[in-house]
Amino acid sequence: MNVGLNPVKIIWMMMWAAIASILLFFSITVSAILSKTGNLAFTFSKIRGG
């Protein structure tokens, strides 16, 4: 029974890894487009870090 679940687990993990990668790609791309200098994430980290 455990042998039959392994492909399902692999597909499940690959699907969620792909979804996470796509979400990260779009969020980074949108923040880079909206920022004048392209370093919006760095600006946010400076603000948050004090």
PDB file of N, CA and C in Angstrom:
ATOM      1  N   MET A   1       0.831  -1.194   0.000  1.00  0.00           N
ATOM      2  CA  MET A   1       0.000   0.000   0.000  1.00  0.00           C
ATOM      3  C   MET A   1       0.875   1.258   0.000  1.00  0.00           C
ATOM      4  N   ASN A   2       1.984   1.217   0.678  1.00  0.00           N
ATOM      5  CA  ASN A   2       2.857   2.381   0.748  1.00  0.00           C
ATOM      6  C   ASN A   2       3.504   2.685  -0.599  1.00  0.00           C
ATOM      7  N   VAL A   3       3.706   1.643  -1.419  1.00  0.00           N
ATOM      8  CA  VAL A   3       4.345   1.838  -2.721  1.00  0.00           C
ATOM      9  C   VAL A   3       3.434   2.632  -3.650  1.00  0.00           C
ATOM     10  N   GLY A   4       2.146   2.444  -3.566  1.00  0.00           N
ATOM     11  CA  GLY A   4       1.197   3.157  -4.421  1.00  0.00           C
ATOM     12  C   GLY A   4       1.045   4.621  -4.056  1.00  0.00           C
ATOM     13  N   LEU A   5       1.327   4.984  -2.819  1.00  0.00           N
ATOM     14  CA  LEU A   5       1.167   6.374  -2.394  1.00  0.00           C
ATOM     15  C   LEU A   5       2.372   7.234  -2.732  1.00  0.00           C
ATOM     16  N   ASN A   6       3.520   6.637  -2.944  1.00  0.00           N
ATOM     17  CA  ASN A   6       4.721   7.425  -3.219  1.00  0.00           C
ATOM     18  C   ASN A   6       4.599   8.308  -4.461  1.00  0.00           C
ATOM     19  N   PRO A   7       4.096   7.808  -5.589  1.00  0.00           N
ATOM     20  CA  PRO A   7       3.939   8.713  -6.746  1.00  0.00           C
ATOM     21  C   PRO A   7       2.954   9.854  -6.462  1.00  0.00           C
ATOM     22  N   VAL A   8       1.918   9.565  -5.694  1.00  0.00           N
ATOM     23  CA  VAL A   8       0.943  10.605  -5.357  1.00  0.00           C
ATOM     24  C   VAL A   8       1.599  11.667  -4.482  1.00  0.00           C
ATOM     25  N   LYS A   9       2.416  11.256  -3.534  1.00  0.00           N
ATOM     26  CA  LYS A   9       3.120  12.215  -2.675  1.00  0.00           C
ATOM     27  C   LYS A   9       4.080  13.067  -3.475  1.00  0.00           C
ATOM     28  N   ILE A  10       4.781  12.451  -4.420  1.00  0.00           N
ATOM     29  CA  ILE A  10       5.741  13.189  -5.245  1.00  0.00           C
ATOM     30  C   ILE A  10       5.013  14.220  -6.103  1.00  0.00           C
ATOM     31  N   ILE A  11       3.925  13.823  -6.724  1.00  0.00           N
ATOM     32  CA  ILE A  11       3.146  14.751  -7.545  1.00  0.00           C
ATOM     33  C   ILE A  11       2.585  15.879  -6.680  1.00  0.00           C
ATOM     34  N   TRP A  12       2.089  15.547  -5.492  1.00  0.00           N
ATOM     35  CA  TRP A  12       1.530  16.539  -4.572  1.00  0.00           C
ATOM     36  C   TRP A  12       2.600  17.566  -4.175  1.00  0.00           C
ATOM     37  N   MET A  13       3.783  17.100  -3.819  1.00  0.00           N
ATOM     38  CA  MET A  13       4.858  18.017  -3.427  1.00  0.00           C
ATOM     39  C   MET A  13       5.335  18.855  -4.610  1.00  0.00           C
ATOM     40  N   MET A  14       5.417  18.259  -5.798  1.00  0.00           N
ATOM     41  CA  MET A  14       5.836  19.012  -6.974  1.00  0.00           C
ATOM     42  C   MET A  14       4.815  20.088  -7.330  1.00  0.00           C
ATOM     43  N   MET A  15       3.536  19.773  -7.158  1.00  0.00           N
ATOM     44  CA  MET A  15       2.490  20.753  -7.453  1.00  0.00           C
ATOM     45  C   MET A  15       2.610  21.955  -6.515  1.00  0.00           C
ATOM     46  N   TRP A  16       2.774  21.708  -5.218  1.00  0.00           N
ATOM     47  CA  TRP A  16       2.871  22.809  -4.267  1.00  0.00           C
ATOM     48  C   TRP A  16       4.171  23.584  -4.428  1.00  0.00           C
ATOM     49  N   ALA A  17       5.248  22.919  -4.804  1.00  0.00           N
ATOM     50  CA  ALA A  17       6.504  23.620  -5.074  1.00  0.00           C
ATOM     51  C   ALA A  17       6.353  24.541  -6.288  1.00  0.00           C
ATOM     52  N   ALA A  18       5.642  24.073  -7.295  1.00  0.00           N
ATOM     53  CA  ALA A  18       5.401  24.905  -8.480  1.00  0.00           C
ATOM     54  C   ALA A  18       4.523  26.098  -8.140  1.00  0.00           C
ATOM     55  N   ILE A  19       3.485  25.879  -7.345  1.00  0.00           N
ATOM     56  CA  ILE A  19       2.598  26.981  -6.946  1.00  0.00           C
ATOM     57  C   ILE A  19       3.374  28.024  -6.139  1.00  0.00           C
ATOM     58  N   ALA A  20       4.203  27.565  -5.208  1.00  0.00           N
ATOM     59  CA  ALA A  20       5.000  28.495  -4.402  1.00  0.00           C
ATOM     60  C   ALA A  20       5.973  29.274  -5.273  1.00  0.00           C
ATOM     61  N   SER A  21       6.589  28.611  -6.237  1.00  0.00           N
ATOM     62  CA  SER A  21       7.526  29.287  -7.132  1.00  0.00           C
ATOM     63  C   SER A  21       6.828  30.342  -7.978  1.00  0.00           C
ATOM     64  N   ILE A  22       5.647  30.011  -8.479  1.00  0.00           N
ATOM     65  CA  ILE A  22       4.894  30.966  -9.296  1.00  0.00           C
ATOM     66  C   ILE A  22       4.476  32.174  -8.463  1.00  0.00           C
ATOM     67  N   LEU A  23       4.008  31.930  -7.246  1.00  0.00           N
ATOM     68  CA  LEU A  23       3.606  33.042  -6.382  1.00  0.00           C
ATOM     69  C   LEU A  23       4.791  33.939  -6.047  1.00  0.00           C
ATOM     70  N   LEU A  24       5.931  33.346  -5.753  1.00  0.00           N
ATOM     71  CA  LEU A  24       7.120  34.149  -5.467  1.00  0.00           C
ATOM     72  C   LEU A  24       7.560  34.938  -6.695  1.00  0.00           C
ATOM     73  N   PHE A  25       7.527  34.308  -7.854  1.00  0.00           N
ATOM     74  CA  PHE A  25       7.926  34.990  -9.081  1.00  0.00           C
ATOM     75  C   PHE A  25       7.051  36.213  -9.335  1.00  0.00           C
ATOM     76  N   PHE A  26       5.730  36.036  -9.223  1.00  0.00           N
ATOM     77  CA  PHE A  26       4.832  37.156  -9.501  1.00  0.00           C
ATOM     78  C   PHE A  26       4.967  38.269  -8.466  1.00  0.00           C
ATOM     79  N   SER A  27       5.132  37.917  -7.205  1.00  0.00           N
ATOM     80  CA  SER A  27       5.258  38.965  -6.191  1.00  0.00           C
ATOM     81  C   SER A  27       6.560  39.746  -6.365  1.00  0.00           C
ATOM     82  N   ILE A  28       7.650  39.066  -6.679  1.00  0.00           N
ATOM     83  CA  ILE A  28       8.921  39.759  -6.901  1.00  0.00           C
ATOM     84  C   ILE A  28       8.848  40.608  -8.166  1.00  0.00           C
ATOM     85  N   THR A  29       8.240  40.084  -9.212  1.00  0.00           N
ATOM     86  CA  THR A  29       8.138  40.831 -10.463  1.00  0.00           C
ATOM     87  C   THR A  29       7.272  42.071 -10.299  1.00  0.00           C
ATOM     88  N   VAL A  30       6.145  41.950  -9.625  1.00  0.00           N
ATOM     89  CA  VAL A  30       5.262  43.104  -9.423  1.00  0.00           C
ATOM     90  C   VAL A  30       5.945  44.163  -8.571  1.00  0.00           C
ATOM     91  N   SER A  31       6.633  43.757  -7.525  1.00  0.00           N
ATOM     92  CA  SER A  31       7.314  44.744  -6.683  1.00  0.00           C
ATOM     93  C   SER A  31       8.449  45.423  -7.446  1.00  0.00           C
ATOM     94  N   ALA A  32       9.124  44.702  -8.324  1.00  0.00           N
ATOM     95  CA  ALA A  32      10.186  45.315  -9.122  1.00  0.00           C
ATOM     96  C   ALA A  32       9.617  46.284 -10.151  1.00  0.00           C
ATOM     97  N   ILE A  33       8.475  45.958 -10.717  1.00  0.00           N
ATOM     98  CA  ILE A  33       7.857  46.838 -11.709  1.00  0.00           C
ATOM     99  C   ILE A  33       7.324  48.114 -11.046  1.00  0.00           C
ATOM    100  N   LEU A  34       6.747  47.982  -9.875  1.00  0.00           N
ATOM    101  CA  LEU A  34       6.145  49.131  -9.205  1.00  0.00           C
ATOM    102  C   LEU A  34       7.179  50.074  -8.591  1.00  0.00           C
ATOM    103  N   SER A  35       8.361  49.604  -8.359  1.00  0.00           N
ATOM    104  CA  SER A  35       9.394  50.438  -7.762  1.00  0.00           C
ATOM    105  C   SER A  35      10.136  51.205  -8.851  1.00  0.00           C
ATOM    106  N   LYS A  36      10.459  52.454  -8.576  1.00  0.00           N
ATOM    107  CA  LYS A  36      11.167  53.271  -9.565  1.00  0.00           C
ATOM    108  C   LYS A  36      12.584  52.760  -9.788  1.00  0.00           C
ATOM    109  N   THR A  37      13.240  52.331  -8.729  1.00  0.00           N
ATOM    110  CA  THR A  37      14.627  51.895  -8.851  1.00  0.00           C
ATOM    111  C   THR A  37      14.762  50.386  -8.979  1.00  0.00           C
ATOM    112  N   GLY A  38      13.696  49.634  -8.768  1.00  0.00           N
ATOM    113  CA  GLY A  38      13.753  48.182  -8.890  1.00  0.00           C
ATOM    114  C   GLY A  38      14.200  47.472  -7.632  1.00  0.00           C
ATOM    115  N   ASN A  39      14.356  48.207  -6.528  1.00  0.00           N
ATOM    116  CA  ASN A  39      14.790  47.559  -5.285  1.00  0.00           C
ATOM    117  C   ASN A  39      13.789  47.790  -4.159  1.00  0.00           C
ATOM    118  N   LEU A  40      12.528  47.576  -4.464  1.00  0.00           N
ATOM    119  CA  LEU A  40      11.460  47.794  -3.488  1.00  0.00           C
ATOM    120  C   LEU A  40      11.602  46.871  -2.290  1.00  0.00           C
ATOM    121  N   ALA A  41      12.000  45.624  -2.529  1.00  0.00           N
ATOM    122  CA  ALA A  41      12.160  44.689  -1.415  1.00  0.00           C
ATOM    123  C   ALA A  41      13.261  45.164  -0.468  1.00  0.00           C
ATOM    124  N   PHE A  42      14.347  45.700  -1.013  1.00  0.00           N
ATOM    125  CA  PHE A  42      15.420  46.217  -0.173  1.00  0.00           C
ATOM    126  C   PHE A  42      14.937  47.422   0.633  1.00  0.00           C
ATOM    127  N   THR A  43      14.134  48.277   0.019  1.00  0.00           N
ATOM    128  CA  THR A  43      13.586  49.439   0.725  1.00  0.00           C
ATOM    129  C   THR A  43      12.689  48.991   1.872  1.00  0.00           C
ATOM    130  N   PHE A  44      11.851  47.997   1.620  1.00  0.00           N
ATOM    131  CA  PHE A  44      10.981  47.480   2.679  1.00  0.00           C
ATOM    132  C   PHE A  44      11.807  46.895   3.825  1.00  0.00           C
ATOM    133  N   SER A  45      12.877  46.191   3.485  1.00  0.00           N
ATOM    134  CA  SER A  45      13.688  45.584   4.539  1.00  0.00           C
ATOM    135  C   SER A  45      14.402  46.657   5.354  1.00  0.00           C
ATOM    136  N   LYS A  46      14.798  47.764   4.716  1.00  0.00           N
ATOM    137  CA  LYS A  46      15.414  48.860   5.452  1.00  0.00           C
ATOM    138  C   LYS A  46      14.417  49.515   6.407  1.00  0.00           C
ATOM    139  N   ILE A  47      13.190  49.699   5.933  1.00  0.00           N
ATOM    140  CA  ILE A  47      12.144  50.308   6.763  1.00  0.00           C
ATOM    141  C   ILE A  47      11.827  49.402   7.933  1.00  0.00           C
ATOM    142  N   ARG A  48      11.702  48.108   7.657  1.00  0.00           N
ATOM    143  CA  ARG A  48      11.353  47.161   8.709  1.00  0.00           C
ATOM    144  C   ARG A  48      12.496  46.993   9.721  1.00  0.00           C
ATOM    145  N   GLY A  49      13.708  47.022   9.218  1.00  0.00           N
ATOM    146  CA  GLY A  49      14.863  46.836  10.094  1.00  0.00           C
ATOM    147  C   GLY A  49      15.194  48.053  10.927  1.00  0.00           C
ATOM    148  N   GLY A  50      14.687  49.169  10.542  1.00  0.00           N
ATOM    149  CA  GLY A  50      14.903  50.379  11.332  1.00  0.00           C
ATOM    150  C   GLY A  50      15.999  51.128  10.809  1.00  0.00           C
TER     151      GLY A  50
END
